[in-house]
Amino acid sequence: MDKVKELTPELRVFGFIKDLTLTPLHFTEETKKPNDDLTDLIMYIITTEETRCSLNKKDEIDTGAGKWRSVLDIWRHVTYHRPKSTIFAVMRTMYELDESSDGALLCGQFCTTVHRRTFKARKFIPWNDLHDKEVLDEFELLWDDWKEIGRHYKYTGFMKRLKLVREESAK
């Protein structure tokens, strides 16, 4: 049996992000929003990205304005405001944004250039939808796998492991 298929969704995510840069991102001229609801914070991020660049901790451009953003990009922005937020909470919230009773607030696709599921606020592309839900993403997960991800995962040492990974990636 394929080892990837044996892994839990959470371990697939950890396996993908372990060697990536995980330091927080911020926008130009941004103030912290630590008290925002996660849904509002994610909507702020995918709305603001349309007109502002994502900057890393050295204030260098990580991603230009108007670009589609992956969940990793969005989570890195979230951690600028809420350092203890998990990528799983961001993934579940984004799933909920797509399933919102107000109508889908996201549009997205699997980008074959960066090999990641990418997103934008639907208000910028109202005719678009969230495509490629049946395509395996960068974590080898389907879109529906995001619905419950991390909800029952034991977070013992999660922040400690994440801190070590971030310290390594910052070097």
C-alpha atoms as a PDB file:
ATOM      1  CA  MET A   1       0.000   0.000   0.000  1.00  0.00           C
ATOM      2  CA  ASP A   2       1.187   3.512  -0.805  1.00  0.00           C
ATOM      3  CA  LYS A   3       2.641   5.200   2.314  1.00  0.00           C
ATOM      4  CA  VAL A   4       0.864   8.504   1.563  1.00  0.00           C
ATOM      5  CA  LYS A   5      -2.513   6.760   1.675  1.00  0.00           C
ATOM      6  CA  GLU A   6      -1.646   5.358   5.126  1.00  0.00           C
ATOM      7  CA  LEU A   7      -1.017   8.814   6.600  1.00  0.00           C
ATOM      8  CA  THR A   8      -3.719  10.813   8.354  1.00  0.00           C
ATOM      9  CA  PRO A   9      -4.650  14.092   6.653  1.00  0.00           C
ATOM     10  CA  GLU A  10      -2.874  15.984   9.441  1.00  0.00           C
ATOM     11  CA  LEU A  11       0.380  14.069   8.928  1.00  0.00           C
ATOM     12  CA  ARG A  12       0.163  14.688   5.185  1.00  0.00           C
ATOM     13  CA  VAL A  13      -0.014  18.432   5.896  1.00  0.00           C
ATOM     14  CA  PHE A  14       2.916  18.263   8.335  1.00  0.00           C
ATOM     15  CA  GLY A  15       4.896  16.259   5.786  1.00  0.00           C
ATOM     16  CA  PHE A  16       4.317  18.900   3.130  1.00  0.00           C
ATOM     17  CA  ILE A  17       5.093  21.981   5.236  1.00  0.00           C
ATOM     18  CA  LYS A  18       8.036  20.645   7.250  1.00  0.00           C
ATOM     19  CA  ASP A  19      10.689  21.892   4.824  1.00  0.00           C
ATOM     20  CA  LEU A  20       8.972  25.108   3.726  1.00  0.00           C
ATOM     21  CA  THR A  21       9.364  28.672   4.941  1.00  0.00           C
ATOM     22  CA  LEU A  22       6.725  29.142   7.623  1.00  0.00           C
ATOM     23  CA  THR A  23       7.528  32.577   8.981  1.00  0.00           C
ATOM     24  CA  PRO A  24       4.558  34.964   9.136  1.00  0.00           C
ATOM     25  CA  LEU A  25       3.689  37.228   6.218  1.00  0.00           C
ATOM     26  CA  HIS A  26       2.180  40.693   6.400  1.00  0.00           C
ATOM     27  CA  PHE A  27       0.945  43.315   3.980  1.00  0.00           C
ATOM     28  CA  THR A  28       2.370  46.762   3.383  1.00  0.00           C
ATOM     29  CA  GLU A  29       1.000  49.357   5.827  1.00  0.00           C
ATOM     30  CA  GLU A  30      -0.733  46.739   7.953  1.00  0.00           C
ATOM     31  CA  THR A  31      -1.781  46.866  11.577  1.00  0.00           C
ATOM     32  CA  LYS A  32      -2.283  43.709  13.611  1.00  0.00           C
ATOM     33  CA  LYS A  33      -5.816  42.363  14.035  1.00  0.00           C
ATOM     34  CA  PRO A  34      -5.454  39.800  16.852  1.00  0.00           C
ATOM     35  CA  ASN A  35      -9.075  39.976  18.002  1.00  0.00           C
ATOM     36  CA  ASP A  36     -10.696  39.358  14.643  1.00  0.00           C
ATOM     37  CA  ASP A  37     -12.791  36.231  14.189  1.00  0.00           C
ATOM     38  CA  LEU A  38     -10.814  33.739  12.052  1.00  0.00           C
ATOM     39  CA  THR A  39     -13.400  33.922   9.259  1.00  0.00           C
ATOM     40  CA  ASP A  40     -13.165  37.727   9.168  1.00  0.00           C
ATOM     41  CA  LEU A  41      -9.371  37.593   9.307  1.00  0.00           C
ATOM     42  CA  ILE A  42      -9.193  35.176   6.362  1.00  0.00           C
ATOM     43  CA  MET A  43     -11.604  37.339   4.368  1.00  0.00           C
ATOM     44  CA  TYR A  44      -9.471  40.398   5.222  1.00  0.00           C
ATOM     45  CA  ILE A  45      -6.379  38.552   3.940  1.00  0.00           C
ATOM     46  CA  ILE A  46      -7.864  37.299   0.667  1.00  0.00           C
ATOM     47  CA  THR A  47      -9.418  40.704   0.038  1.00  0.00           C
ATOM     48  CA  THR A  48      -6.305  42.722   0.893  1.00  0.00           C
ATOM     49  CA  GLU A  49      -4.068  40.546  -1.302  1.00  0.00           C
ATOM     50  CA  GLU A  50      -5.797  41.976  -4.329  1.00  0.00           C
ATOM     51  CA  THR A  51      -4.108  45.370  -3.872  1.00  0.00           C
ATOM     52  CA  ARG A  52      -1.127  44.720  -1.572  1.00  0.00           C
ATOM     53  CA  CYS A  53       1.997  42.586  -1.699  1.00  0.00           C
ATOM     54  CA  SER A  54       2.779  39.950   0.899  1.00  0.00           C
ATOM     55  CA  LEU A  55       5.986  40.787   2.750  1.00  0.00           C
ATOM     56  CA  ASN A  56       8.231  38.468   4.748  1.00  0.00           C
ATOM     57  CA  LYS A  57       9.895  39.304   8.064  1.00  0.00           C
ATOM     58  CA  LYS A  58      12.646  41.228   6.233  1.00  0.00           C
ATOM     59  CA  ASP A  59       9.947  43.320   4.497  1.00  0.00           C
ATOM     60  CA  GLU A  60      10.869  41.732   1.164  1.00  0.00           C
ATOM     61  CA  ILE A  61       8.113  40.884  -1.301  1.00  0.00           C
ATOM     62  CA  ASP A  62       7.083  37.248  -0.989  1.00  0.00           C
ATOM     63  CA  THR A  63       4.063  37.433  -3.332  1.00  0.00           C
ATOM     64  CA  GLY A  64       2.922  40.313  -5.494  1.00  0.00           C
ATOM     65  CA  ALA A  65      -0.466  42.001  -5.273  1.00  0.00           C
ATOM     66  CA  GLY A  66      -3.369  40.414  -7.119  1.00  0.00           C
ATOM     67  CA  LYS A  67      -1.929  36.889  -7.085  1.00  0.00           C
ATOM     68  CA  TRP A  68      -3.843  33.783  -6.090  1.00  0.00           C
ATOM     69  CA  ARG A  69      -2.883  32.613  -2.575  1.00  0.00           C
ATOM     70  CA  SER A  70      -2.415  29.085  -1.252  1.00  0.00           C
ATOM     71  CA  VAL A  71      -3.644  28.008   2.171  1.00  0.00           C
ATOM     72  CA  LEU A  72      -0.015  28.121   3.305  1.00  0.00           C
ATOM     73  CA  ASP A  73       0.228  31.803   2.287  1.00  0.00           C
ATOM     74  CA  ILE A  74      -3.064  32.564   4.015  1.00  0.00           C
ATOM     75  CA  TRP A  75      -2.040  30.704   7.173  1.00  0.00           C
ATOM     76  CA  ARG A  76       1.287  32.567   7.262  1.00  0.00           C
ATOM     77  CA  HIS A  77      -0.696  35.835   7.148  1.00  0.00           C
ATOM     78  CA  VAL A  78      -3.013  34.567   9.889  1.00  0.00           C
ATOM     79  CA  THR A  79      -0.032  33.777  12.149  1.00  0.00           C
ATOM     80  CA  TYR A  80       1.146  37.385  11.832  1.00  0.00           C
ATOM     81  CA  HIS A  81      -2.038  38.367  13.668  1.00  0.00           C
ATOM     82  CA  ARG A  82      -2.631  35.204  15.699  1.00  0.00           C
ATOM     83  CA  PRO A  83       0.684  33.337  16.207  1.00  0.00           C
ATOM     84  CA  LYS A  84      -0.904  30.246  17.754  1.00  0.00           C
ATOM     85  CA  SER A  85      -3.373  29.586  14.949  1.00  0.00           C
ATOM     86  CA  THR A  86      -3.009  26.211  13.281  1.00  0.00           C
ATOM     87  CA  ILE A  87      -3.057  25.552   9.580  1.00  0.00           C
ATOM     88  CA  PHE A  88      -5.862  23.065  10.280  1.00  0.00           C
ATOM     89  CA  ALA A  89      -8.136  25.777  11.694  1.00  0.00           C
ATOM     90  CA  VAL A  90      -7.447  27.892   8.595  1.00  0.00           C
ATOM     91  CA  MET A  91      -8.210  24.956   6.281  1.00  0.00           C
ATOM     92  CA  ARG A  92     -11.507  24.179   8.059  1.00  0.00           C
ATOM     93  CA  THR A  93     -12.524  27.839   8.028  1.00  0.00           C
ATOM     94  CA  MET A  94     -11.797  28.120   4.316  1.00  0.00           C
ATOM     95  CA  TYR A  95     -13.921  25.024   3.718  1.00  0.00           C
ATOM     96  CA  GLU A  96     -16.722  26.686   5.691  1.00  0.00           C
ATOM     97  CA  LEU A  97     -16.327  29.873   3.619  1.00  0.00           C
ATOM     98  CA  ASP A  98     -16.964  27.823   0.494  1.00  0.00           C
ATOM     99  CA  GLU A  99     -19.976  26.139   2.078  1.00  0.00           C
ATOM    100  CA  SER A 100     -21.380  29.369   3.571  1.00  0.00           C
ATOM    101  CA  SER A 101     -25.153  29.765   3.641  1.00  0.00           C
ATOM    102  CA  ASP A 102     -24.555  33.246   2.199  1.00  0.00           C
ATOM    103  CA  GLY A 103     -23.056  31.635  -0.879  1.00  0.00           C
ATOM    104  CA  ALA A 104     -19.471  30.716  -1.583  1.00  0.00           C
ATOM    105  CA  LEU A 105     -17.101  33.509  -0.581  1.00  0.00           C
ATOM    106  CA  LEU A 106     -14.056  31.887  -2.184  1.00  0.00           C
ATOM    107  CA  CYS A 107     -13.086  30.954  -5.659  1.00  0.00           C
ATOM    108  CA  GLY A 108     -10.137  28.758  -6.374  1.00  0.00           C
ATOM    109  CA  GLN A 109      -8.383  26.175  -8.411  1.00  0.00           C
ATOM    110  CA  PHE A 110      -5.491  23.777  -8.321  1.00  0.00           C
ATOM    111  CA  CYS A 111      -2.606  25.708  -9.859  1.00  0.00           C
ATOM    112  CA  THR A 112      -0.408  23.439 -11.949  1.00  0.00           C
ATOM    113  CA  THR A 113       2.400  26.022 -11.898  1.00  0.00           C
ATOM    114  CA  VAL A 114       2.939  26.009  -8.112  1.00  0.00           C
ATOM    115  CA  HIS A 115       1.189  22.640  -7.567  1.00  0.00           C
ATOM    116  CA  ARG A 116      -1.087  24.017  -4.865  1.00  0.00           C
ATOM    117  CA  ARG A 117      -4.752  24.747  -4.360  1.00  0.00           C
ATOM    118  CA  THR A 118      -5.033  28.540  -4.698  1.00  0.00           C
ATOM    119  CA  PHE A 119      -7.712  31.022  -3.689  1.00  0.00           C
ATOM    120  CA  LYS A 120      -9.135  34.495  -4.159  1.00  0.00           C
ATOM    121  CA  ALA A 121     -12.104  36.330  -2.724  1.00  0.00           C
ATOM    122  CA  ARG A 122     -15.030  35.547  -4.991  1.00  0.00           C
ATOM    123  CA  LYS A 123     -16.097  39.198  -5.067  1.00  0.00           C
ATOM    124  CA  PHE A 124     -13.154  39.884  -7.404  1.00  0.00           C
ATOM    125  CA  ILE A 125     -14.123  37.065  -9.772  1.00  0.00           C
ATOM    126  CA  PRO A 126     -17.874  36.611  -9.214  1.00  0.00           C
ATOM    127  CA  TRP A 127     -18.327  34.308 -12.199  1.00  0.00           C
ATOM    128  CA  ASN A 128     -15.717  31.889 -10.879  1.00  0.00           C
ATOM    129  CA  ASP A 129     -16.220  28.997  -8.511  1.00  0.00           C
ATOM    130  CA  LEU A 130     -14.069  26.755  -6.363  1.00  0.00           C
ATOM    131  CA  HIS A 131     -12.845  24.335  -9.009  1.00  0.00           C
ATOM    132  CA  ASP A 132     -10.863  21.103  -8.824  1.00  0.00           C
ATOM    133  CA  LYS A 133     -12.509  19.843  -5.634  1.00  0.00           C
ATOM    134  CA  GLU A 134     -11.935  16.272  -6.824  1.00  0.00           C
ATOM    135  CA  VAL A 135      -8.246  16.878  -7.590  1.00  0.00           C
ATOM    136  CA  LEU A 136      -5.670  15.911  -4.970  1.00  0.00           C
ATOM    137  CA  ASP A 137      -4.001  19.051  -3.632  1.00  0.00           C
ATOM    138  CA  GLU A 138      -0.460  19.699  -2.417  1.00  0.00           C
ATOM    139  CA  PHE A 139      -1.175  17.643   0.717  1.00  0.00           C
ATOM    140  CA  GLU A 140      -2.610  14.723  -1.319  1.00  0.00           C
ATOM    141  CA  LEU A 141      -6.063  15.622   0.051  1.00  0.00           C
ATOM    142  CA  LEU A 142      -9.395  16.227  -1.618  1.00  0.00           C
ATOM    143  CA  TRP A 143     -11.335  19.407  -0.845  1.00  0.00           C
ATOM    144  CA  ASP A 144     -13.824  17.521   1.359  1.00  0.00           C
ATOM    145  CA  ASP A 145     -10.916  16.294   3.530  1.00  0.00           C
ATOM    146  CA  TRP A 146     -10.539  19.893   4.733  1.00  0.00           C
ATOM    147  CA  LYS A 147     -13.956  19.884   6.425  1.00  0.00           C
ATOM    148  CA  GLU A 148     -12.852  18.080   9.600  1.00  0.00           C
ATOM    149  CA  ILE A 149      -9.065  18.307   9.384  1.00  0.00           C
ATOM    150  CA  GLY A 150      -7.387  18.735  12.747  1.00  0.00           C
ATOM    151  CA  ARG A 151     -10.651  18.710  14.662  1.00  0.00           C
ATOM    152  CA  HIS A 152      -9.781  15.461  16.466  1.00  0.00           C
ATOM    153  CA  TYR A 153      -6.000  15.653  16.148  1.00  0.00           C
ATOM    154  CA  LYS A 154      -4.052  15.626  19.406  1.00  0.00           C
ATOM    155  CA  TYR A 155      -2.048  18.828  19.444  1.00  0.00           C
ATOM    156  CA  THR A 156       0.482  17.578  21.984  1.00  0.00           C
ATOM    157  CA  GLY A 157       3.632  19.426  21.125  1.00  0.00           C
ATOM    158  CA  PHE A 158       2.161  20.960  17.969  1.00  0.00           C
ATOM    159  CA  MET A 159       3.290  24.499  18.771  1.00  0.00           C
ATOM    160  CA  LYS A 160       6.687  23.293  19.977  1.00  0.00           C
ATOM    161  CA  ARG A 161       7.231  21.285  16.775  1.00  0.00           C
ATOM    162  CA  LEU A 162       5.999  24.178  14.696  1.00  0.00           C
ATOM    163  CA  LYS A 163       8.320  26.592  16.496  1.00  0.00           C
ATOM    164  CA  LEU A 164      11.300  24.324  15.784  1.00  0.00           C
ATOM    165  CA  VAL A 165      10.298  24.031  12.130  1.00  0.00           C
ATOM    166  CA  ARG A 166       9.902  27.807  11.880  1.00  0.00           C
ATOM    167  CA  GLU A 167      13.283  28.422  13.534  1.00  0.00           C
ATOM    168  CA  GLU A 168      14.932  26.063  11.080  1.00  0.00           C
ATOM    169  CA  SER A 169      13.229  27.644   8.092  1.00  0.00           C
ATOM    170  CA  ALA A 170      14.193  31.145   9.261  1.00  0.00           C
ATOM    171  CA  LYS A 171      17.924  30.356   9.198  1.00  0.00           C
END
